[in-house]
N, C-alpha and C. Protein backbone atom coordinates (compact mmCIF):
# COMPACT_ATOMS: atom_id res chain seq x y z
N UNK A 1 113.32 150.25 80.83
CA UNK A 1 113.17 149.27 81.89
C UNK A 1 114.21 148.19 81.69
N UNK A 2 115.24 148.13 82.56
CA UNK A 2 116.32 147.15 82.41
C UNK A 2 116.02 145.87 83.18
N UNK A 3 116.40 144.78 82.59
CA UNK A 3 116.21 143.48 83.25
C UNK A 3 117.58 142.96 83.64
N UNK A 4 117.71 142.64 84.91
CA UNK A 4 118.94 142.07 85.41
C UNK A 4 118.85 140.57 85.30
N UNK A 5 119.93 139.95 84.86
CA UNK A 5 119.92 138.50 84.64
C UNK A 5 119.66 137.76 85.94
N UNK A 6 118.74 136.84 85.94
CA UNK A 6 118.41 136.03 87.10
C UNK A 6 119.17 134.72 87.03
N UNK A 7 119.20 134.00 88.14
CA UNK A 7 119.88 132.72 88.16
C UNK A 7 119.05 131.64 87.48
N UNK A 8 117.78 131.91 87.26
CA UNK A 8 116.91 130.98 86.55
C UNK A 8 116.57 131.63 85.21
N UNK A 9 116.66 130.87 84.11
CA UNK A 9 116.34 131.44 82.80
C UNK A 9 114.93 132.00 82.74
N UNK A 10 114.77 133.09 82.00
CA UNK A 10 113.47 133.75 81.89
C UNK A 10 112.41 132.81 81.34
N UNK A 11 112.78 131.92 80.43
CA UNK A 11 111.83 130.97 79.86
C UNK A 11 111.24 130.06 80.94
N UNK A 12 112.10 129.64 81.89
CA UNK A 12 111.63 128.80 83.01
C UNK A 12 110.65 129.58 83.86
N UNK A 13 110.99 130.83 84.18
CA UNK A 13 110.13 131.65 85.02
C UNK A 13 108.78 131.90 84.35
N UNK A 14 108.79 132.17 83.05
CA UNK A 14 107.54 132.40 82.35
C UNK A 14 106.70 131.15 82.29
N UNK A 15 107.34 129.99 82.11
CA UNK A 15 106.59 128.73 82.11
C UNK A 15 105.97 128.47 83.49
N UNK A 16 106.73 128.77 84.54
CA UNK A 16 106.21 128.60 85.91
C UNK A 16 105.02 129.51 86.17
N UNK A 17 105.09 130.72 85.67
CA UNK A 17 104.02 131.70 85.95
C UNK A 17 102.70 131.30 85.28
N UNK A 18 102.74 130.45 84.27
CA UNK A 18 101.52 130.06 83.56
C UNK A 18 100.90 128.77 84.11
N UNK A 19 101.55 128.11 85.08
CA UNK A 19 101.08 126.84 85.58
C UNK A 19 100.06 127.04 86.72
N UNK A 20 99.22 126.01 86.91
CA UNK A 20 98.31 126.05 88.07
C UNK A 20 99.11 125.69 89.32
N UNK A 21 98.49 125.80 90.48
CA UNK A 21 99.20 125.71 91.75
C UNK A 21 99.97 124.40 91.94
N UNK A 22 99.31 123.26 91.72
CA UNK A 22 99.96 121.98 91.96
C UNK A 22 101.13 121.75 91.02
N UNK A 23 100.92 121.98 89.74
CA UNK A 23 101.99 121.81 88.76
C UNK A 23 103.13 122.77 89.03
N UNK A 24 102.78 123.99 89.45
CA UNK A 24 103.80 124.99 89.77
C UNK A 24 104.65 124.54 90.94
N UNK A 25 104.00 123.97 91.96
CA UNK A 25 104.73 123.50 93.14
C UNK A 25 105.73 122.40 92.74
N UNK A 26 105.29 121.44 91.94
CA UNK A 26 106.18 120.37 91.50
C UNK A 26 107.32 120.91 90.64
N UNK A 27 107.00 121.81 89.73
CA UNK A 27 108.01 122.37 88.84
C UNK A 27 109.01 123.23 89.60
N UNK A 28 108.52 123.99 90.61
CA UNK A 28 109.43 124.81 91.41
C UNK A 28 110.40 123.94 92.20
N UNK A 29 109.94 122.79 92.67
CA UNK A 29 110.83 121.86 93.36
C UNK A 29 111.91 121.36 92.39
N UNK A 30 111.51 121.01 91.17
CA UNK A 30 112.48 120.54 90.16
C UNK A 30 113.47 121.64 89.81
N UNK A 31 112.98 122.86 89.56
CA UNK A 31 113.85 123.98 89.20
C UNK A 31 114.77 124.32 90.37
N UNK A 32 114.28 124.20 91.58
CA UNK A 32 115.07 124.48 92.77
C UNK A 32 116.30 123.56 92.81
N UNK A 33 116.07 122.27 92.57
CA UNK A 33 117.19 121.34 92.56
C UNK A 33 118.09 121.52 91.36
N UNK A 34 117.50 121.82 90.21
CA UNK A 34 118.25 121.94 88.98
C UNK A 34 119.21 123.13 89.01
N UNK A 35 118.75 124.27 89.51
CA UNK A 35 119.56 125.49 89.49
C UNK A 35 120.18 125.85 90.85
N UNK A 36 119.90 125.06 91.89
CA UNK A 36 120.45 125.32 93.21
C UNK A 36 119.92 126.59 93.83
N UNK A 37 118.64 126.87 93.64
CA UNK A 37 117.98 128.07 94.16
C UNK A 37 116.84 127.62 95.06
N UNK A 38 116.64 128.32 96.17
CA UNK A 38 115.55 127.94 97.08
C UNK A 38 114.21 128.23 96.43
N UNK A 39 113.18 127.51 96.92
CA UNK A 39 111.82 127.72 96.41
C UNK A 39 111.36 129.13 96.75
N UNK A 40 111.76 129.66 97.93
CA UNK A 40 111.40 131.02 98.31
C UNK A 40 111.98 132.03 97.32
N UNK A 41 113.20 131.78 96.87
CA UNK A 41 113.85 132.65 95.90
C UNK A 41 113.08 132.60 94.57
N UNK A 42 112.65 131.40 94.17
CA UNK A 42 111.89 131.28 92.92
C UNK A 42 110.56 132.03 93.04
N UNK A 43 109.89 131.93 94.20
CA UNK A 43 108.63 132.63 94.39
C UNK A 43 108.82 134.14 94.32
N UNK A 44 109.95 134.64 94.87
CA UNK A 44 110.24 136.08 94.80
C UNK A 44 110.45 136.50 93.36
N UNK A 45 111.17 135.67 92.59
CA UNK A 45 111.41 136.01 91.21
C UNK A 45 110.11 135.98 90.39
N UNK A 46 109.24 135.01 90.71
CA UNK A 46 107.93 134.95 90.01
C UNK A 46 107.06 136.16 90.33
N UNK A 47 107.07 136.58 91.59
CA UNK A 47 106.23 137.75 91.95
C UNK A 47 106.81 139.02 91.32
N UNK A 48 108.15 139.11 91.22
CA UNK A 48 108.73 140.27 90.56
C UNK A 48 108.39 140.26 89.08
N UNK A 49 108.39 139.10 88.47
CA UNK A 49 108.06 138.97 87.05
C UNK A 49 106.62 139.38 86.80
N UNK A 50 105.71 138.95 87.66
CA UNK A 50 104.29 139.24 87.45
C UNK A 50 103.94 140.70 87.79
N UNK A 51 104.75 141.34 88.63
CA UNK A 51 104.43 142.72 89.02
C UNK A 51 105.07 143.78 88.13
N UNK A 52 105.94 143.40 87.25
CA UNK A 52 106.52 144.45 86.41
C UNK A 52 107.55 143.95 85.45
N UNK A 53 107.89 142.72 85.53
CA UNK A 53 108.82 142.19 84.56
C UNK A 53 110.30 142.34 84.92
N UNK A 54 110.60 143.02 86.00
CA UNK A 54 112.01 143.18 86.40
C UNK A 54 112.35 142.09 87.39
N UNK A 55 113.30 141.25 87.02
CA UNK A 55 113.73 140.15 87.88
C UNK A 55 115.15 140.45 88.29
N UNK A 56 115.35 140.64 89.57
CA UNK A 56 116.69 140.91 90.06
C UNK A 56 117.29 139.61 90.60
N UNK A 57 118.60 139.52 90.49
CA UNK A 57 119.26 138.33 91.00
C UNK A 57 119.22 138.38 92.51
N UNK A 58 118.83 137.30 93.12
CA UNK A 58 118.72 137.21 94.55
C UNK A 58 120.09 136.93 95.14
N UNK A 59 120.34 137.35 96.37
CA UNK A 59 121.63 137.06 96.98
C UNK A 59 121.89 135.56 97.09
N UNK A 60 123.15 135.21 96.98
CA UNK A 60 123.52 133.81 96.99
C UNK A 60 123.39 133.16 98.37
N UNK A 61 123.34 133.98 99.41
CA UNK A 61 123.29 133.44 100.75
C UNK A 61 121.87 133.36 101.30
N UNK A 62 120.88 133.15 100.42
CA UNK A 62 119.50 133.03 100.88
C UNK A 62 119.35 131.71 101.62
N UNK A 63 118.19 131.49 102.17
CA UNK A 63 117.96 130.29 102.97
C UNK A 63 117.80 129.08 102.06
N UNK A 64 118.88 128.73 101.40
CA UNK A 64 118.86 127.65 100.43
C UNK A 64 118.88 126.31 101.13
N UNK A 65 117.92 125.49 100.81
CA UNK A 65 117.91 124.13 101.29
C UNK A 65 117.54 123.24 100.13
N UNK A 66 118.52 122.50 99.64
CA UNK A 66 118.27 121.56 98.56
C UNK A 66 118.66 120.20 99.10
N UNK A 67 117.70 119.30 99.27
CA UNK A 67 118.03 118.00 99.83
C UNK A 67 118.90 117.22 98.88
N UNK A 68 119.87 116.51 99.44
CA UNK A 68 120.76 115.73 98.59
C UNK A 68 120.07 114.45 98.18
N UNK A 69 120.52 113.90 97.07
CA UNK A 69 119.90 112.68 96.57
C UNK A 69 120.41 111.45 97.32
N UNK A 70 121.56 111.57 97.97
CA UNK A 70 122.08 110.46 98.74
C UNK A 70 122.06 110.83 100.21
N UNK A 71 121.75 109.88 101.01
CA UNK A 71 121.66 110.13 102.45
C UNK A 71 123.07 110.14 103.04
N UNK A 72 123.32 111.05 103.99
CA UNK A 72 124.61 111.10 104.65
C UNK A 72 124.63 110.25 105.90
N UNK A 73 123.46 109.76 106.31
CA UNK A 73 123.39 108.90 107.48
C UNK A 73 123.71 107.48 107.09
N UNK A 74 124.44 106.76 107.95
CA UNK A 74 124.74 105.37 107.62
C UNK A 74 123.47 104.53 107.67
N UNK A 75 123.39 103.58 106.80
CA UNK A 75 122.22 102.71 106.76
C UNK A 75 122.32 101.69 107.88
N UNK A 76 121.27 101.60 108.69
CA UNK A 76 121.26 100.65 109.79
C UNK A 76 120.65 99.33 109.37
N UNK A 77 120.11 99.25 108.20
CA UNK A 77 119.43 98.06 107.74
C UNK A 77 120.29 97.34 106.71
N UNK A 78 120.26 96.03 106.74
CA UNK A 78 121.00 95.26 105.74
C UNK A 78 120.39 95.44 104.37
N UNK A 79 121.22 95.33 103.37
CA UNK A 79 120.73 95.45 102.00
C UNK A 79 119.79 94.29 101.69
N UNK A 80 118.65 94.59 101.17
CA UNK A 80 117.67 93.55 100.84
C UNK A 80 116.78 93.15 102.03
N UNK A 81 117.05 93.69 103.21
CA UNK A 81 116.23 93.36 104.36
C UNK A 81 114.98 94.21 104.35
N UNK A 82 113.83 93.60 104.60
CA UNK A 82 112.58 94.37 104.61
C UNK A 82 112.43 95.24 105.83
N UNK A 83 111.64 96.28 105.72
CA UNK A 83 111.28 97.12 106.86
C UNK A 83 110.00 96.55 107.45
N UNK A 84 110.13 96.02 108.68
CA UNK A 84 108.98 95.36 109.30
C UNK A 84 108.06 96.36 109.97
N UNK A 85 106.77 96.05 109.97
CA UNK A 85 105.76 96.86 110.63
C UNK A 85 105.13 96.05 111.73
N UNK A 86 104.59 96.73 112.76
CA UNK A 86 103.87 96.06 113.81
C UNK A 86 102.45 95.79 113.37
N UNK A 87 101.79 94.85 114.03
CA UNK A 87 100.38 94.53 113.84
C UNK A 87 100.08 94.12 112.38
N UNK A 88 100.57 92.97 112.01
CA UNK A 88 100.37 92.47 110.65
C UNK A 88 98.91 92.19 110.34
N UNK A 89 98.07 92.05 111.35
CA UNK A 89 96.65 91.75 111.13
C UNK A 89 95.95 92.86 110.34
N UNK A 90 96.43 94.07 110.44
CA UNK A 90 95.82 95.19 109.72
C UNK A 90 96.02 95.08 108.22
N UNK A 91 96.97 94.28 107.78
CA UNK A 91 97.34 94.22 106.38
C UNK A 91 96.82 92.96 105.69
N UNK A 92 95.82 92.33 106.24
CA UNK A 92 95.17 91.18 105.59
C UNK A 92 94.03 91.74 104.74
N UNK A 93 94.18 91.60 103.43
CA UNK A 93 93.16 92.11 102.53
C UNK A 93 91.93 91.22 102.55
N UNK A 94 90.78 91.78 102.69
CA UNK A 94 89.55 91.00 102.85
C UNK A 94 88.57 91.22 101.69
N UNK A 95 89.06 91.69 100.55
CA UNK A 95 88.16 91.98 99.44
C UNK A 95 87.86 90.77 98.58
N UNK A 96 88.63 89.68 98.70
CA UNK A 96 88.40 88.48 97.89
C UNK A 96 87.91 87.35 98.79
N UNK A 97 86.62 86.96 98.71
CA UNK A 97 86.08 85.96 99.62
C UNK A 97 86.34 84.50 99.21
N UNK A 98 87.12 84.27 98.15
CA UNK A 98 87.35 82.89 97.70
C UNK A 98 88.14 82.09 98.75
N UNK A 99 88.04 80.78 98.68
CA UNK A 99 88.72 79.92 99.66
C UNK A 99 90.24 80.08 99.53
N UNK A 100 90.73 80.20 98.32
CA UNK A 100 92.18 80.36 98.13
C UNK A 100 92.66 81.64 98.79
N UNK A 101 91.91 82.70 98.63
CA UNK A 101 92.28 83.98 99.22
C UNK A 101 92.22 83.93 100.74
N UNK A 102 91.22 83.28 101.28
CA UNK A 102 91.07 83.16 102.74
C UNK A 102 92.24 82.37 103.32
N UNK A 103 92.67 81.31 102.60
CA UNK A 103 93.82 80.52 103.10
C UNK A 103 95.11 81.34 103.02
N UNK A 104 95.28 82.15 102.00
CA UNK A 104 96.45 83.03 101.91
C UNK A 104 96.43 84.08 103.00
N UNK A 105 95.23 84.63 103.29
CA UNK A 105 95.11 85.64 104.33
C UNK A 105 95.47 85.07 105.70
N UNK A 106 95.15 83.81 105.93
CA UNK A 106 95.44 83.21 107.24
C UNK A 106 96.93 82.99 107.41
N UNK A 107 97.72 82.96 106.33
CA UNK A 107 99.17 82.77 106.43
C UNK A 107 99.90 84.07 106.72
N UNK A 108 99.24 85.21 106.58
CA UNK A 108 99.89 86.49 106.79
C UNK A 108 100.16 86.69 108.28
N UNK A 109 101.45 86.76 108.63
CA UNK A 109 101.82 87.01 110.02
C UNK A 109 102.92 88.06 110.15
N UNK A 110 103.29 88.65 109.04
CA UNK A 110 104.26 89.73 109.06
C UNK A 110 103.79 90.86 108.13
N UNK A 111 104.20 92.07 108.46
CA UNK A 111 103.89 93.20 107.60
C UNK A 111 105.18 93.94 107.31
N UNK A 112 105.43 94.24 106.05
CA UNK A 112 106.64 94.97 105.63
C UNK A 112 106.26 96.12 104.74
N UNK A 113 107.22 96.98 104.48
CA UNK A 113 107.03 98.07 103.52
C UNK A 113 107.66 97.68 102.20
N UNK A 114 106.97 97.96 101.12
CA UNK A 114 107.53 97.74 99.79
C UNK A 114 108.79 98.59 99.66
N UNK A 115 109.92 98.02 99.25
CA UNK A 115 111.16 98.82 99.14
C UNK A 115 111.13 99.83 98.01
N UNK A 116 110.16 99.72 97.10
CA UNK A 116 110.08 100.63 95.97
C UNK A 116 109.17 101.81 96.20
N UNK A 117 108.00 101.54 96.82
CA UNK A 117 107.00 102.61 96.96
C UNK A 117 106.51 102.81 98.40
N UNK A 118 107.03 102.03 99.33
CA UNK A 118 106.71 102.12 100.77
C UNK A 118 105.26 101.83 101.11
N UNK A 119 104.60 101.05 100.33
CA UNK A 119 103.23 100.60 100.63
C UNK A 119 103.33 99.41 101.60
N UNK A 120 102.50 99.39 102.63
CA UNK A 120 102.54 98.23 103.55
C UNK A 120 102.00 96.98 102.86
N UNK A 121 102.72 95.86 103.09
CA UNK A 121 102.33 94.59 102.49
C UNK A 121 102.26 93.53 103.59
N UNK A 122 101.22 92.73 103.59
CA UNK A 122 101.12 91.60 104.51
C UNK A 122 101.69 90.37 103.83
N UNK A 123 102.64 89.68 104.50
CA UNK A 123 103.28 88.50 103.91
C UNK A 123 103.40 87.41 104.93
N UNK A 124 103.56 86.13 104.48
CA UNK A 124 103.84 85.04 105.41
C UNK A 124 105.31 85.08 105.81
N UNK A 125 105.67 84.26 106.79
CA UNK A 125 107.04 84.26 107.33
C UNK A 125 107.98 83.38 106.52
N UNK A 126 107.55 82.72 105.49
CA UNK A 126 108.41 81.85 104.70
C UNK A 126 109.47 82.66 103.97
N UNK A 127 110.71 82.13 103.93
CA UNK A 127 111.82 82.79 103.25
C UNK A 127 112.60 81.76 102.46
N UNK A 128 113.12 82.09 101.34
CA UNK A 128 112.97 83.35 100.61
C UNK A 128 111.55 83.45 100.08
N UNK A 129 111.12 84.69 99.90
CA UNK A 129 109.78 84.94 99.39
C UNK A 129 109.85 86.02 98.32
N UNK A 130 109.16 85.75 97.22
CA UNK A 130 109.09 86.72 96.13
C UNK A 130 107.74 87.40 96.22
N UNK A 131 107.74 88.73 96.29
CA UNK A 131 106.52 89.52 96.49
C UNK A 131 106.35 90.49 95.34
N UNK A 132 105.15 90.50 94.76
CA UNK A 132 104.80 91.49 93.73
C UNK A 132 103.91 92.52 94.40
N UNK A 133 104.39 93.75 94.44
CA UNK A 133 103.62 94.82 95.09
C UNK A 133 102.41 95.17 94.23
N UNK A 134 101.20 95.16 94.77
CA UNK A 134 100.02 95.49 93.98
C UNK A 134 99.92 96.98 93.65
N UNK A 135 100.70 97.80 94.34
CA UNK A 135 100.64 99.23 94.09
C UNK A 135 101.56 99.67 92.96
N UNK A 136 102.85 99.28 93.03
CA UNK A 136 103.81 99.72 92.01
C UNK A 136 104.16 98.63 91.02
N UNK A 137 103.68 97.41 91.25
CA UNK A 137 103.89 96.27 90.35
C UNK A 137 105.38 95.90 90.24
N UNK A 138 106.17 96.23 91.25
CA UNK A 138 107.59 95.84 91.28
C UNK A 138 107.72 94.54 92.07
N UNK A 139 108.59 93.67 91.63
CA UNK A 139 108.79 92.40 92.28
C UNK A 139 110.03 92.49 93.16
N UNK A 140 109.94 91.99 94.39
CA UNK A 140 111.07 91.98 95.30
C UNK A 140 111.19 90.61 95.92
N UNK A 141 112.40 90.17 96.18
CA UNK A 141 112.66 88.89 96.84
C UNK A 141 113.31 89.19 98.18
N UNK A 142 112.74 88.62 99.23
CA UNK A 142 113.27 88.83 100.59
C UNK A 142 113.85 87.51 101.08
N UNK A 143 115.08 87.59 101.65
CA UNK A 143 115.78 86.41 102.12
C UNK A 143 115.83 86.35 103.64
N UNK A 144 115.48 87.41 104.33
CA UNK A 144 115.51 87.41 105.79
C UNK A 144 114.32 88.11 106.37
């Protein structure tokens, strides 16, 4: 039984075959970007490995789609400018009934997305403003 060299190392394929579904999905995405092979190609190689151990090299012209890490579209937003959301009233947190919290909630008249994790944040209109995201704990300063 001859094994033809695959574009993904056998150790990677064997590690993928032992993972549960969610971990396998994440790892296949990583391997796809690392080796420049489509996820469909990886799935074919995994099924070939599990059905008999023979992994054939897939054609190079498969439906390969590997998203680039940099966007090719020009940025329409200024650097450091927040992404504004409509209806800032939805982003007033009401879990703290203290007077200080109520006064802060009444100042919220804008809603933006955290530039680090894209969580919606309710903020006042004062600028510059330093905001600590409660989700990712990253601090951002907005000047406009």
